[in-house]
């Protein structure tokens, strides 16, 4: 994508930039699993914003239910710490609970238990 009116980031570093030169945006490479996702062909971006109990949420969850890459989608959301929207067939509430659980597990792995020294009793 060429944006002729935008200057590249180098302008902020004190380098001269000619605004008339085209600026090419870096290309976005989606995760490979997204090519097989059922939601890829959905034209409604608002569909994936969770509104508990709404028909849109129920429809979105039904799309996820038949998706072949549902596990990869959910793993991506947890790995990237995405707490909004419907990902991998779970609601925002369920997703946030999974994020808390993942955080707690990571915290537990990094927590080192140091046993206090015990003095040996002197035997007389």
PDB file of N, CA and C in Angstrom:
ATOM      1  N   UNK A   1       0.852  -1.169   0.000  1.00  0.00           N
ATOM      2  CA  UNK A   1       0.000   0.000   0.000  1.00  0.00           C
ATOM      3  C   UNK A   1       0.897   1.231   0.000  1.00  0.00           C
ATOM      4  N   UNK A   2       0.631   2.137  -0.899  1.00  0.00           N
ATOM      5  CA  UNK A   2       1.436   3.343  -1.005  1.00  0.00           C
ATOM      6  C   UNK A   2       0.623   4.524  -0.504  1.00  0.00           C
ATOM      7  N   UNK A   3       1.216   5.256   0.422  1.00  0.00           N
ATOM      8  CA  UNK A   3       0.572   6.455   0.953  1.00  0.00           C
ATOM      9  C   UNK A   3       1.475   7.640   0.630  1.00  0.00           C
ATOM     10  N   UNK A   4       1.209   8.373  -0.451  1.00  0.00           N
ATOM     11  CA  UNK A   4       2.115   9.435  -0.864  1.00  0.00           C
ATOM     12  C   UNK A   4       2.188  10.606   0.099  1.00  0.00           C
ATOM     13  N   UNK A   5       1.205  10.779   0.949  1.00  0.00           N
ATOM     14  CA  UNK A   5       1.180  11.939   1.833  1.00  0.00           C
ATOM     15  C   UNK A   5       1.828  11.678   3.188  1.00  0.00           C
ATOM     16  N   UNK A   6       2.200  10.464   3.482  1.00  0.00           N
ATOM     17  CA  UNK A   6       2.739  10.142   4.805  1.00  0.00           C
ATOM     18  C   UNK A   6       4.256  10.054   4.771  1.00  0.00           C
ATOM     19  N   UNK A   7       4.868  10.546   5.819  1.00  0.00           N
ATOM     20  CA  UNK A   7       6.324  10.483   5.941  1.00  0.00           C
ATOM     21  C   UNK A   7       6.714   9.262   6.749  1.00  0.00           C
ATOM     22  N   UNK A   8       7.825   8.622   6.408  1.00  0.00           N
ATOM     23  CA  UNK A   8       8.262   7.461   7.183  1.00  0.00           C
ATOM     24  C   UNK A   8       8.737   7.849   8.574  1.00  0.00           C
ATOM     25  N   UNK A   9       8.904   6.866   9.424  1.00  0.00           N
ATOM     26  CA  UNK A   9       9.323   7.100  10.804  1.00  0.00           C
ATOM     27  C   UNK A   9      10.687   7.754  10.914  1.00  0.00           C
ATOM     28  N   UNK A  10      11.518   7.648   9.897  1.00  0.00           N
ATOM     29  CA  UNK A  10      12.855   8.219   9.967  1.00  0.00           C
ATOM     30  C   UNK A  10      12.818   9.731  10.125  1.00  0.00           C
ATOM     31  N   UNK A  11      11.701  10.371   9.771  1.00  0.00           N
ATOM     32  CA  UNK A  11      11.589  11.817   9.904  1.00  0.00           C
ATOM     33  C   UNK A  11      11.677  12.232  11.362  1.00  0.00           C
ATOM     34  N   UNK A  12      11.289  11.359  12.234  1.00  0.00           N
ATOM     35  CA  UNK A  12      11.324  11.676  13.654  1.00  0.00           C
ATOM     36  C   UNK A  12      12.731  11.572  14.224  1.00  0.00           C
ATOM     37  N   UNK A  13      13.634  11.008  13.461  1.00  0.00           N
ATOM     38  CA  UNK A  13      15.008  10.842  13.931  1.00  0.00           C
ATOM     39  C   UNK A  13      15.931  11.918  13.378  1.00  0.00           C
ATOM     40  N   UNK A  14      15.375  12.993  12.872  1.00  0.00           N
ATOM     41  CA  UNK A  14      16.174  14.099  12.390  1.00  0.00           C
ATOM     42  C   UNK A  14      16.649  13.949  10.959  1.00  0.00           C
ATOM     43  N   UNK A  15      16.190  12.953  10.241  1.00  0.00           N
ATOM     44  CA  UNK A  15      16.586  12.773   8.858  1.00  0.00           C
ATOM     45  C   UNK A  15      15.631  13.536   7.953  1.00  0.00           C
ATOM     46  N   UNK A  16      16.176  14.065   6.869  1.00  0.00           N
ATOM     47  CA  UNK A  16      15.355  14.819   5.927  1.00  0.00           C
ATOM     48  C   UNK A  16      14.469  13.855   5.140  1.00  0.00           C
ATOM     49  N   UNK A  17      13.211  14.217   4.996  1.00  0.00           N
ATOM     50  CA  UNK A  17      12.267  13.393   4.254  1.00  0.00           C
ATOM     51  C   UNK A  17      11.544  14.279   3.263  1.00  0.00           C
ATOM     52  N   UNK A  18      11.481  13.840   2.050  1.00  0.00           N
ATOM     53  CA  UNK A  18      10.730  14.551   1.026  1.00  0.00           C
ATOM     54  C   UNK A  18       9.298  14.037   1.072  1.00  0.00           C
ATOM     55  N   UNK A  19       8.365  14.893   1.432  1.00  0.00           N
ATOM     56  CA  UNK A  19       6.969  14.471   1.592  1.00  0.00           C
ATOM     57  C   UNK A  19       6.346  14.049   0.275  1.00  0.00           C
ATOM     58  N   UNK A  20       6.948  14.423  -0.844  1.00  0.00           N
ATOM     59  CA  UNK A  20       6.395  14.049  -2.144  1.00  0.00           C
ATOM     60  C   UNK A  20       6.741  12.612  -2.512  1.00  0.00           C
ATOM     61  N   UNK A  21       7.747  12.042  -1.842  1.00  0.00           N
ATOM     62  CA  UNK A  21       8.117  10.664  -2.134  1.00  0.00           C
ATOM     63  C   UNK A  21       7.095   9.703  -1.548  1.00  0.00           C
ATOM     64  N   UNK A  22       6.767   8.624  -2.271  1.00  0.00           N
ATOM     65  CA  UNK A  22       5.801   7.654  -1.725  1.00  0.00           C
ATOM     66  C   UNK A  22       6.392   6.907  -0.547  1.00  0.00           C
ATOM     67  N   UNK A  23       5.538   6.597   0.382  1.00  0.00           N
ATOM     68  CA  UNK A  23       5.936   5.841   1.572  1.00  0.00           C
ATOM     69  C   UNK A  23       5.211   4.522   1.542  1.00  0.00           C
ATOM     70  N   UNK A  24       5.943   3.442   1.580  1.00  0.00           N
ATOM     71  CA  UNK A  24       5.325   2.125   1.536  1.00  0.00           C
ATOM     72  C   UNK A  24       5.189   1.583   2.948  1.00  0.00           C
ATOM     73  N   UNK A  25       3.968   1.249   3.302  1.00  0.00           N
ATOM     74  CA  UNK A  25       3.695   0.690   4.622  1.00  0.00           C
ATOM     75  C   UNK A  25       4.221  -0.736   4.678  1.00  0.00           C
ATOM     76  N   UNK A  26       4.692  -1.165   5.847  1.00  0.00           N
ATOM     77  CA  UNK A  26       5.116  -2.560   5.963  1.00  0.00           C
ATOM     78  C   UNK A  26       3.924  -3.482   5.759  1.00  0.00           C
ATOM     79  N   UNK A  27       4.176  -4.614   5.149  1.00  0.00           N
ATOM     80  CA  UNK A  27       3.073  -5.529   4.873  1.00  0.00           C
ATOM     81  C   UNK A  27       2.687  -6.273   6.150  1.00  0.00           C
ATOM     82  N   UNK A  28       1.413  -6.562   6.265  1.00  0.00           N
ATOM     83  CA  UNK A  28       0.886  -7.304   7.404  1.00  0.00           C
ATOM     84  C   UNK A  28       0.778  -8.756   6.992  1.00  0.00           C
ATOM     85  N   UNK A  29       1.399  -9.626   7.758  1.00  0.00           N
ATOM     86  CA  UNK A  29       1.303 -11.055   7.485  1.00  0.00           C
ATOM     87  C   UNK A  29       0.444 -11.698   8.553  1.00  0.00           C
ATOM     88  N   UNK A  30      -0.739 -12.175   8.169  1.00  0.00           N
ATOM     89  CA  UNK A  30      -1.593 -12.816   9.168  1.00  0.00           C
ATOM     90  C   UNK A  30      -1.015 -14.161   9.595  1.00  0.00           C
ATOM     91  N   UNK A  31      -1.460 -14.602  10.753  1.00  0.00           N
ATOM     92  CA  UNK A  31      -1.076 -15.928  11.218  1.00  0.00           C
ATOM     93  C   UNK A  31      -1.569 -16.948  10.181  1.00  0.00           C
ATOM     94  N   UNK A  32      -0.804 -17.997   9.911  1.00  0.00           N
ATOM     95  CA  UNK A  32      -1.197 -18.977   8.892  1.00  0.00           C
ATOM     96  C   UNK A  32      -2.562 -19.613   9.146  1.00  0.00           C
ATOM     97  N   UNK A  33      -2.913 -19.842  10.401  1.00  0.00           N
ATOM     98  CA  UNK A  33      -4.182 -20.498  10.706  1.00  0.00           C
ATOM     99  C   UNK A  33      -5.382 -19.636  10.334  1.00  0.00           C
ATOM    100  N   UNK A  34      -5.202 -18.320  10.236  1.00  0.00           N
ATOM    101  CA  UNK A  34      -6.348 -17.446   9.934  1.00  0.00           C
ATOM    102  C   UNK A  34      -6.894 -17.664   8.529  1.00  0.00           C
ATOM    103  N   UNK A  35      -6.086 -18.253   7.659  1.00  0.00           N
ATOM    104  CA  UNK A  35      -6.556 -18.517   6.294  1.00  0.00           C
ATOM    105  C   UNK A  35      -7.644 -19.584   6.267  1.00  0.00           C
ATOM    106  N   UNK A  36      -7.699 -20.424   7.299  1.00  0.00           N
ATOM    107  CA  UNK A  36      -8.699 -21.487   7.364  1.00  0.00           C
ATOM    108  C   UNK A  36      -9.861 -21.158   8.293  1.00  0.00           C
ATOM    109  N   UNK A  37      -9.837 -19.990   8.914  1.00  0.00           N
ATOM    110  CA  UNK A  37     -10.850 -19.633   9.911  1.00  0.00           C
ATOM    111  C   UNK A  37     -12.212 -19.392   9.259  1.00  0.00           C
ATOM    112  N   UNK A  38     -13.252 -19.864   9.922  1.00  0.00           N
ATOM    113  CA  UNK A  38     -14.627 -19.674   9.438  1.00  0.00           C
ATOM    114  C   UNK A  38     -15.027 -18.200   9.440  1.00  0.00           C
ATOM    115  N   UNK A  39     -14.495 -17.438  10.356  1.00  0.00           N
ATOM    116  CA  UNK A  39     -14.873 -16.028  10.484  1.00  0.00           C
ATOM    117  C   UNK A  39     -14.230 -15.153   9.414  1.00  0.00           C
ATOM    118  N   UNK A  40     -13.316 -15.715   8.661  1.00  0.00           N
ATOM    119  CA  UNK A  40     -12.594 -14.935   7.648  1.00  0.00           C
ATOM    120  C   UNK A  40     -13.524 -14.302   6.617  1.00  0.00           C
ATOM    121  N   UNK A  41     -14.604 -14.968   6.287  1.00  0.00           N
ATOM    122  CA  UNK A  41     -15.513 -14.474   5.251  1.00  0.00           C
ATOM    123  C   UNK A  41     -16.669 -13.657   5.812  1.00  0.00           C
ATOM    124  N   UNK A  42     -16.668 -13.391   7.087  1.00  0.00           N
ATOM    125  CA  UNK A  42     -17.752 -12.626   7.699  1.00  0.00           C
ATOM    126  C   UNK A  42     -17.538 -11.145   7.433  1.00  0.00           C
ATOM    127  N   UNK A  43     -18.595 -10.477   6.978  1.00  0.00           N
ATOM    128  CA  UNK A  43     -18.485  -9.061   6.623  1.00  0.00           C
ATOM    129  C   UNK A  43     -18.775  -8.121   7.785  1.00  0.00           C
ATOM    130  N   UNK A  44     -19.209  -8.645   8.922  1.00  0.00           N
ATOM    131  CA  UNK A  44     -19.581  -7.795  10.055  1.00  0.00           C
ATOM    132  C   UNK A  44     -18.485  -7.799  11.124  1.00  0.00           C
ATOM    133  N   UNK A  45     -17.669  -6.752  11.180  1.00  0.00           N
ATOM    134  CA  UNK A  45     -16.628  -6.729  12.212  1.00  0.00           C
ATOM    135  C   UNK A  45     -17.193  -6.595  13.628  1.00  0.00           C
ATOM    136  N   UNK A  46     -18.377  -5.975  13.772  1.00  0.00           N
ATOM    137  CA  UNK A  46     -18.985  -5.828  15.099  1.00  0.00           C
ATOM    138  C   UNK A  46     -19.507  -7.140  15.659  1.00  0.00           C
ATOM    139  N   UNK A  47     -19.601  -8.142  14.820  1.00  0.00           N
ATOM    140  CA  UNK A  47     -20.124  -9.435  15.250  1.00  0.00           C
ATOM    141  C   UNK A  47     -19.264 -10.046  16.350  1.00  0.00           C
ATOM    142  N   UNK A  48     -17.985  -9.749  16.365  1.00  0.00           N
ATOM    143  CA  UNK A  48     -17.057 -10.394  17.277  1.00  0.00           C
ATOM    144  C   UNK A  48     -16.885  -9.637  18.586  1.00  0.00           C
ATOM    145  N   UNK A  49     -17.641  -8.542  18.763  1.00  0.00           N
ATOM    146  CA  UNK A  49     -17.644  -7.836  20.045  1.00  0.00           C
ATOM    147  C   UNK A  49     -18.742  -8.454  20.898  1.00  0.00           C
ATOM    148  N   UNK A  50     -18.357  -8.976  22.020  1.00  0.00           N
ATOM    149  CA  UNK A  50     -19.264  -9.735  22.874  1.00  0.00           C
ATOM    150  C   UNK A  50     -20.299  -8.839  23.544  1.00  0.00           C
ATOM    151  N   UNK A  51     -21.551  -9.168  23.316  1.00  0.00           N
ATOM    152  CA  UNK A  51     -22.665  -8.541  24.028  1.00  0.00           C
ATOM    153  C   UNK A  51     -23.464  -9.692  24.631  1.00  0.00           C
ATOM    154  N   UNK A  52     -23.216  -9.998  25.899  1.00  0.00           N
ATOM    155  CA  UNK A  52     -23.809 -11.193  26.516  1.00  0.00           C
ATOM    156  C   UNK A  52     -25.310 -11.314  26.271  1.00  0.00           C
ATOM    157  N   UNK A  53     -25.707 -12.488  25.817  1.00  0.00           N
ATOM    158  CA  UNK A  53     -27.117 -12.785  25.592  1.00  0.00           C
ATOM    159  C   UNK A  53     -27.670 -12.309  24.263  1.00  0.00           C
ATOM    160  N   UNK A  54     -26.905 -11.552  23.483  1.00  0.00           N
ATOM    161  CA  UNK A  54     -27.432 -11.025  22.223  1.00  0.00           C
ATOM    162  C   UNK A  54     -27.406 -12.110  21.146  1.00  0.00           C
ATOM    163  N   UNK A  55     -28.244 -11.912  20.135  1.00  0.00           N
ATOM    164  CA  UNK A  55     -28.289 -12.859  19.023  1.00  0.00           C
ATOM    165  C   UNK A  55     -26.982 -12.847  18.246  1.00  0.00           C
ATOM    166  N   UNK A  56     -26.336 -11.681  18.170  1.00  0.00           N
ATOM    167  CA  UNK A  56     -25.057 -11.586  17.460  1.00  0.00           C
ATOM    168  C   UNK A  56     -24.000 -12.454  18.149  1.00  0.00           C
ATOM    169  N   UNK A  57     -23.975 -12.405  19.473  1.00  0.00           N
ATOM    170  CA  UNK A  57     -23.004 -13.211  20.214  1.00  0.00           C
ATOM    171  C   UNK A  57     -23.276 -14.688  20.005  1.00  0.00           C
ATOM    172  N   UNK A  58     -24.546 -15.069  20.048  1.00  0.00           N
ATOM    173  CA  UNK A  58     -24.899 -16.474  19.825  1.00  0.00           C
ATOM    174  C   UNK A  58     -24.494 -16.922  18.419  1.00  0.00           C
ATOM    175  N   UNK A  59     -24.709 -16.034  17.431  1.00  0.00           N
ATOM    176  CA  UNK A  59     -24.330 -16.370  16.061  1.00  0.00           C
ATOM    177  C   UNK A  59     -22.806 -16.502  15.944  1.00  0.00           C
ATOM    178  N   UNK A  60     -22.084 -15.571  16.548  1.00  0.00           N
ATOM    179  CA  UNK A  60     -20.620 -15.618  16.498  1.00  0.00           C
ATOM    180  C   UNK A  60     -20.099 -16.906  17.126  1.00  0.00           C
ATOM    181  N   UNK A  61     -20.664 -17.280  18.261  1.00  0.00           N
ATOM    182  CA  UNK A  61     -20.240 -18.518  18.923  1.00  0.00           C
ATOM    183  C   UNK A  61     -20.581 -19.742  18.086  1.00  0.00           C
ATOM    184  N   UNK A  62     -21.684 -19.682  17.325  1.00  0.00           N
ATOM    185  CA  UNK A  62     -22.039 -20.809  16.460  1.00  0.00           C
ATOM    186  C   UNK A  62     -21.070 -20.924  15.281  1.00  0.00           C
ATOM    187  N   UNK A  63     -20.568 -19.789  14.796  1.00  0.00           N
ATOM    188  CA  UNK A  63     -19.551 -19.815  13.737  1.00  0.00           C
ATOM    189  C   UNK A  63     -18.276 -20.447  14.281  1.00  0.00           C
ATOM    190  N   UNK A  64     -17.897 -20.062  15.480  1.00  0.00           N
ATOM    191  CA  UNK A  64     -16.691 -20.625  16.110  1.00  0.00           C
ATOM    192  C   UNK A  64     -16.831 -22.128  16.367  1.00  0.00           C
ATOM    193  N   UNK A  65     -18.040 -22.565  16.660  1.00  0.00           N
ATOM    194  CA  UNK A  65     -18.267 -23.970  17.017  1.00  0.00           C
ATOM    195  C   UNK A  65     -17.886 -24.918  15.884  1.00  0.00           C
ATOM    196  N   UNK A  66     -18.000 -24.473  14.633  1.00  0.00           N
ATOM    197  CA  UNK A  66     -17.683 -25.341  13.499  1.00  0.00           C
ATOM    198  C   UNK A  66     -16.337 -24.982  12.866  1.00  0.00           C
ATOM    199  N   UNK A  67     -15.599 -24.088  13.474  1.00  0.00           N
ATOM    200  CA  UNK A  67     -14.332 -23.622  12.905  1.00  0.00           C
ATOM    201  C   UNK A  67     -13.228 -24.665  13.111  1.00  0.00           C
ATOM    202  N   UNK A  68     -12.470 -24.974  12.056  1.00  0.00           N
ATOM    203  CA  UNK A  68     -11.407 -25.978  12.189  1.00  0.00           C
ATOM    204  C   UNK A  68     -10.169 -25.478  12.940  1.00  0.00           C
ATOM    205  N   UNK A  69     -10.046 -24.171  13.126  1.00  0.00           N
ATOM    206  CA  UNK A  69      -8.852 -23.626  13.798  1.00  0.00           C
ATOM    207  C   UNK A  69      -9.225 -22.920  15.108  1.00  0.00           C
ATOM    208  N   UNK A  70     -10.247 -23.401  15.722  1.00  0.00           N
ATOM    209  CA  UNK A  70     -10.738 -22.797  16.966  1.00  0.00           C
ATOM    210  C   UNK A  70      -9.676 -22.813  18.073  1.00  0.00           C
ATOM    211  N   UNK A  71      -8.976 -23.914  18.220  1.00  0.00           N
ATOM    212  CA  UNK A  71      -7.947 -24.033  19.265  1.00  0.00           C
ATOM    213  C   UNK A  71      -6.799 -23.053  19.016  1.00  0.00           C
ATOM    214  N   UNK A  72      -6.377 -22.925  17.759  1.00  0.00           N
ATOM    215  CA  UNK A  72      -5.296 -22.006  17.424  1.00  0.00           C
ATOM    216  C   UNK A  72      -5.711 -20.562  17.702  1.00  0.00           C
ATOM    217  N   UNK A  73      -6.959 -20.248  17.415  1.00  0.00           N
ATOM    218  CA  UNK A  73      -7.498 -18.909  17.644  1.00  0.00           C
ATOM    219  C   UNK A  73      -7.488 -18.569  19.136  1.00  0.00           C
ATOM    220  N   UNK A  74      -7.947 -19.499  19.942  1.00  0.00           N
ATOM    221  CA  UNK A  74      -7.984 -19.277  21.388  1.00  0.00           C
ATOM    222  C   UNK A  74      -6.575 -19.174  21.957  1.00  0.00           C
ATOM    223  N   UNK A  75      -5.677 -20.024  21.486  1.00  0.00           N
ATOM    224  CA  UNK A  75      -4.289 -19.985  21.948  1.00  0.00           C
ATOM    225  C   UNK A  75      -3.651 -18.647  21.585  1.00  0.00           C
ATOM    226  N   UNK A  76      -3.941 -18.139  20.399  1.00  0.00           N
ATOM    227  CA  UNK A  76      -3.418 -16.841  19.955  1.00  0.00           C
ATOM    228  C   UNK A  76      -3.906 -15.717  20.870  1.00  0.00           C
ATOM    229  N   UNK A  77      -5.194 -15.731  21.188  1.00  0.00           N
ATOM    230  CA  UNK A  77      -5.762 -14.692  22.053  1.00  0.00           C
ATOM    231  C   UNK A  77      -5.132 -14.702  23.438  1.00  0.00           C
ATOM    232  N   UNK A  78      -4.879 -15.889  23.969  1.00  0.00           N
ATOM    233  CA  UNK A  78      -4.260 -15.993  25.295  1.00  0.00           C
ATOM    234  C   UNK A  78      -2.794 -15.570  25.217  1.00  0.00           C
ATOM    235  N   UNK A  79      -2.098 -16.023  24.178  1.00  0.00           N
ATOM    236  CA  UNK A  79      -0.675 -15.695  24.030  1.00  0.00           C
ATOM    237  C   UNK A  79      -0.464 -14.193  23.839  1.00  0.00           C
ATOM    238  N   UNK A  80      -1.352 -13.542  23.081  1.00  0.00           N
ATOM    239  CA  UNK A  80      -1.237 -12.107  22.815  1.00  0.00           C
ATOM    240  C   UNK A  80      -1.943 -11.260  23.873  1.00  0.00           C
ATOM    241  N   UNK A  81      -2.545 -11.928  24.864  1.00  0.00           N
ATOM    242  CA  UNK A  81      -3.259 -11.258  25.967  1.00  0.00           C
ATOM    243  C   UNK A  81      -4.387 -10.363  25.469  1.00  0.00           C
ATOM    244  N   UNK A  82      -5.176 -10.895  24.546  1.00  0.00           N
ATOM    245  CA  UNK A  82      -6.324 -10.173  24.018  1.00  0.00           C
ATOM    246  C   UNK A  82      -7.515 -10.500  24.902  1.00  0.00           C
ATOM    247  N   UNK A  83      -8.071  -9.497  25.548  1.00  0.00           N
ATOM    248  CA  UNK A  83      -9.167  -9.730  26.478  1.00  0.00           C
ATOM    249  C   UNK A  83     -10.511  -9.250  25.979  1.00  0.00           C
ATOM    250  N   UNK A  84     -10.560  -8.767  24.748  1.00  0.00           N
ATOM    251  CA  UNK A  84     -11.813  -8.236  24.208  1.00  0.00           C
ATOM    252  C   UNK A  84     -12.267  -9.062  23.020  1.00  0.00           C
ATOM    253  N   UNK A  85     -13.576  -9.216  22.910  1.00  0.00           N
ATOM    254  CA  UNK A  85     -14.140  -9.902  21.760  1.00  0.00           C
ATOM    255  C   UNK A  85     -14.261 -11.400  21.952  1.00  0.00           C
ATOM    256  N   UNK A  86     -14.780 -12.034  20.917  1.00  0.00           N
ATOM    257  CA  UNK A  86     -14.961 -13.479  20.917  1.00  0.00           C
ATOM    258  C   UNK A  86     -13.797 -14.093  20.150  1.00  0.00           C
ATOM    259  N   UNK A  87     -13.073 -14.960  20.809  1.00  0.00           N
ATOM    260  CA  UNK A  87     -11.916 -15.636  20.229  1.00  0.00           C
ATOM    261  C   UNK A  87     -11.993 -17.115  20.578  1.00  0.00           C
ATOM    262  N   UNK A  88     -11.806 -17.963  19.591  1.00  0.00           N
ATOM    263  CA  UNK A  88     -11.746 -19.395  19.838  1.00  0.00           C
ATOM    264  C   UNK A  88     -13.012 -19.979  20.439  1.00  0.00           C
ATOM    265  N   UNK A  89     -14.137 -19.346  20.198  1.00  0.00           N
ATOM    266  CA  UNK A  89     -15.401 -19.876  20.683  1.00  0.00           C
ATOM    267  C   UNK A  89     -15.704 -19.589  22.135  1.00  0.00           C
ATOM    268  N   UNK A  90     -15.026 -18.617  22.741  1.00  0.00           N
ATOM    269  CA  UNK A  90     -15.321 -18.253  24.124  1.00  0.00           C
ATOM    270  C   UNK A  90     -15.705 -16.781  24.200  1.00  0.00           C
ATOM    271  N   UNK A  91     -16.525 -16.465  25.178  1.00  0.00           N
ATOM    272  CA  UNK A  91     -16.959 -15.084  25.381  1.00  0.00           C
ATOM    273  C   UNK A  91     -15.844 -14.287  26.066  1.00  0.00           C
ATOM    274  N   UNK A  92     -16.029 -12.969  26.144  1.00  0.00           N
ATOM    275  CA  UNK A  92     -15.030 -12.125  26.805  1.00  0.00           C
ATOM    276  C   UNK A  92     -14.836 -12.525  28.261  1.00  0.00           C
ATOM    277  N   UNK A  93     -15.921 -12.852  28.935  1.00  0.00           N
ATOM    278  CA  UNK A  93     -15.833 -13.238  30.345  1.00  0.00           C
ATOM    279  C   UNK A  93     -15.002 -14.505  30.494  1.00  0.00           C
ATOM    280  N   UNK A  94     -15.255 -15.501  29.637  1.00  0.00           N
ATOM    281  CA  UNK A  94     -14.501 -16.757  29.685  1.00  0.00           C
ATOM    282  C   UNK A  94     -13.038 -16.524  29.291  1.00  0.00           C
ATOM    283  N   UNK A  95     -12.829 -15.644  28.316  1.00  0.00           N
ATOM    284  CA  UNK A  95     -11.479 -15.344  27.856  1.00  0.00           C
ATOM    285  C   UNK A  95     -10.667 -14.663  28.951  1.00  0.00           C
ATOM    286  N   UNK A  96     -11.272 -13.727  29.648  1.00  0.00           N
ATOM    287  CA  UNK A  96     -10.569 -13.040  30.734  1.00  0.00           C
ATOM    288  C   UNK A  96     -10.235 -14.006  31.872  1.00  0.00           C
ATOM    289  N   UNK A  97     -11.125 -14.964  32.114  1.00  0.00           N
ATOM    290  CA  UNK A  97     -10.833 -15.981  33.137  1.00  0.00           C
ATOM    291  C   UNK A  97      -9.636 -16.834  32.715  1.00  0.00           C
ATOM    292  N   UNK A  98      -9.564 -17.182  31.428  1.00  0.00           N
ATOM    293  CA  UNK A  98      -8.420 -17.947  30.922  1.00  0.00           C
ATOM    294  C   UNK A  98      -7.133 -17.133  31.017  1.00  0.00           C
ATOM    295  N   UNK A  99      -7.225 -15.832  30.743  1.00  0.00           N
ATOM    296  CA  UNK A  99      -6.049 -14.967  30.842  1.00  0.00           C
ATOM    297  C   UNK A  99      -5.553 -14.882  32.280  1.00  0.00           C
ATOM    298  N   UNK A 100      -6.491 -14.768  33.231  1.00  0.00           N
ATOM    299  CA  UNK A 100      -6.098 -14.742  34.646  1.00  0.00           C
ATOM    300  C   UNK A 100      -5.427 -16.054  35.041  1.00  0.00           C
ATOM    301  N   UNK A 101      -5.987 -17.165  34.581  1.00  0.00           N
ATOM    302  CA  UNK A 101      -5.427 -18.475  34.904  1.00  0.00           C
ATOM    303  C   UNK A 101      -4.023 -18.617  34.307  1.00  0.00           C
ATOM    304  N   UNK A 102      -3.846 -18.170  33.057  1.00  0.00           N
ATOM    305  CA  UNK A 102      -2.530 -18.231  32.416  1.00  0.00           C
ATOM    306  C   UNK A 102      -1.530 -17.354  33.155  1.00  0.00           C
ATOM    307  N   UNK A 103      -1.990 -16.189  33.601  1.00  0.00           N
ATOM    308  CA  UNK A 103      -1.118 -15.289  34.365  1.00  0.00           C
ATOM    309  C   UNK A 103      -0.710 -15.929  35.690  1.00  0.00           C
ATOM    310  N   UNK A 104      -1.681 -16.505  36.373  1.00  0.00           N
ATOM    311  CA  UNK A 104      -1.391 -17.154  37.656  1.00  0.00           C
ATOM    312  C   UNK A 104      -0.415 -18.316  37.487  1.00  0.00           C
ATOM    313  N   UNK A 105      -0.583 -19.093  36.412  1.00  0.00           N
ATOM    314  CA  UNK A 105       0.324 -20.214  36.166  1.00  0.00           C
ATOM    315  C   UNK A 105       1.731 -19.720  35.852  1.00  0.00           C
ATOM    316  N   UNK A 106       1.831 -18.664  35.061  1.00  0.00           N
ATOM    317  CA  UNK A 106       3.151 -18.102  34.739  1.00  0.00           C
ATOM    318  C   UNK A 106       3.810 -17.537  35.986  1.00  0.00           C
ATOM    319  N   UNK A 107       3.010 -16.902  36.820  1.00  0.00           N
ATOM    320  CA  UNK A 107       3.525 -16.331  38.059  1.00  0.00           C
ATOM    321  C   UNK A 107       4.016 -17.446  38.986  1.00  0.00           C
ATOM    322  N   UNK A 108       3.268 -18.536  39.051  1.00  0.00           N
ATOM    323  CA  UNK A 108       3.646 -19.664  39.907  1.00  0.00           C
ATOM    324  C   UNK A 108       4.939 -20.317  39.415  1.00  0.00           C
ATOM    325  N   UNK A 109       5.137 -20.365  38.093  1.00  0.00           N
ATOM    326  CA  UNK A 109       6.357 -20.962  37.554  1.00  0.00           C
ATOM    327  C   UNK A 109       7.575 -20.121  37.888  1.00  0.00           C
ATOM    328  N   UNK A 110       7.390 -18.812  37.928  1.00  0.00           N
ATOM    329  CA  UNK A 110       8.536 -17.944  38.181  1.00  0.00           C
ATOM    330  C   UNK A 110       8.776 -17.722  39.669  1.00  0.00           C
ATOM    331  N   UNK A 111       7.873 -18.188  40.494  1.00  0.00           N
ATOM    332  CA  UNK A 111       7.994 -18.001  41.929  1.00  0.00           C
ATOM    333  C   UNK A 111       8.910 -19.081  42.499  1.00  0.00           C
ATOM    334  N   UNK A 112       9.938 -18.676  43.176  1.00  0.00           N
ATOM    335  CA  UNK A 112      10.889 -19.615  43.753  1.00  0.00           C
ATOM    336  C   UNK A 112      10.663 -19.662  45.255  1.00  0.00           C
ATOM    337  N   UNK A 113      10.499 -20.842  45.740  1.00  0.00           N
ATOM    338  CA  UNK A 113      10.305 -21.011  47.175  1.00  0.00           C
ATOM    339  C   UNK A 113      11.655 -21.234  47.825  1.00  0.00           C
ATOM    340  N   UNK A 114      11.984 -20.383  48.773  1.00  0.00           N
ATOM    341  CA  UNK A 114      13.234 -20.525  49.510  1.00  0.00           C
ATOM    342  C   UNK A 114      12.881 -21.018  50.908  1.00  0.00           C
ATOM    343  N   UNK A 115      13.364 -22.170  51.191  1.00  0.00           N
ATOM    344  CA  UNK A 115      13.078 -22.731  52.508  1.00  0.00           C
ATOM    345  C   UNK A 115      13.976 -22.059  53.534  1.00  0.00           C
ATOM    346  N   UNK A 116      13.423 -21.673  54.638  1.00  0.00           N
ATOM    347  CA  UNK A 116      14.254 -21.034  55.656  1.00  0.00           C
ATOM    348  C   UNK A 116      15.219 -22.055  56.260  1.00  0.00           C
ATOM    349  N   UNK A 117      16.358 -21.539  56.648  1.00  0.00           N
ATOM    350  CA  UNK A 117      17.331 -22.425  57.290  1.00  0.00           C
ATOM    351  C   UNK A 117      16.835 -22.798  58.672  1.00  0.00           C
ATOM    352  N   UNK A 118      17.074 -23.983  58.999  1.00  0.00           N
ATOM    353  CA  UNK A 118      16.736 -24.412  60.355  1.00  0.00           C
ATOM    354  C   UNK A 118      18.034 -24.695  61.101  1.00  0.00           C
ATOM    355  N   UNK A 119      18.051 -24.277  62.307  1.00  0.00           N
ATOM    356  CA  UNK A 119      19.252 -24.526  63.084  1.00  0.00           C
ATOM    357  C   UNK A 119      19.188 -25.949  63.623  1.00  0.00           C
ATOM    358  N   UNK A 120      20.295 -26.564  63.521  1.00  0.00           N
ATOM    359  CA  UNK A 120      20.354 -27.912  64.065  1.00  0.00           C
ATOM    360  C   UNK A 120      20.528 -27.804  65.564  1.00  0.00           C
ATOM    361  N   UNK A 121      19.772 -28.582  66.251  1.00  0.00           N
ATOM    362  CA  UNK A 121      19.868 -28.566  67.706  1.00  0.00           C
ATOM    363  C   UNK A 121      21.187 -29.177  68.151  1.00  0.00           C
ATOM    364  N   UNK A 122      21.812 -28.522  69.088  1.00  0.00           N
ATOM    365  CA  UNK A 122      23.069 -29.048  69.596  1.00  0.00           C
ATOM    366  C   UNK A 122      22.785 -30.233  70.501  1.00  0.00           C
ATOM    367  N   UNK A 123      23.502 -31.241  70.260  1.00  0.00           N
ATOM    368  CA  UNK A 123      23.351 -32.438  71.073  1.00  0.00           C
ATOM    369  C   UNK A 123      24.432 -32.380  72.163  1.00  0.00           C
ATOM    370  N   UNK A 124      24.026 -32.404  73.418  1.00  0.00           N
ATOM    371  CA  UNK A 124      25.003 -32.351  74.490  1.00  0.00           C
ATOM    372  C   UNK A 124      25.262 -33.703  75.080  1.00  0.00           C
TER     373      UNK A 124
END
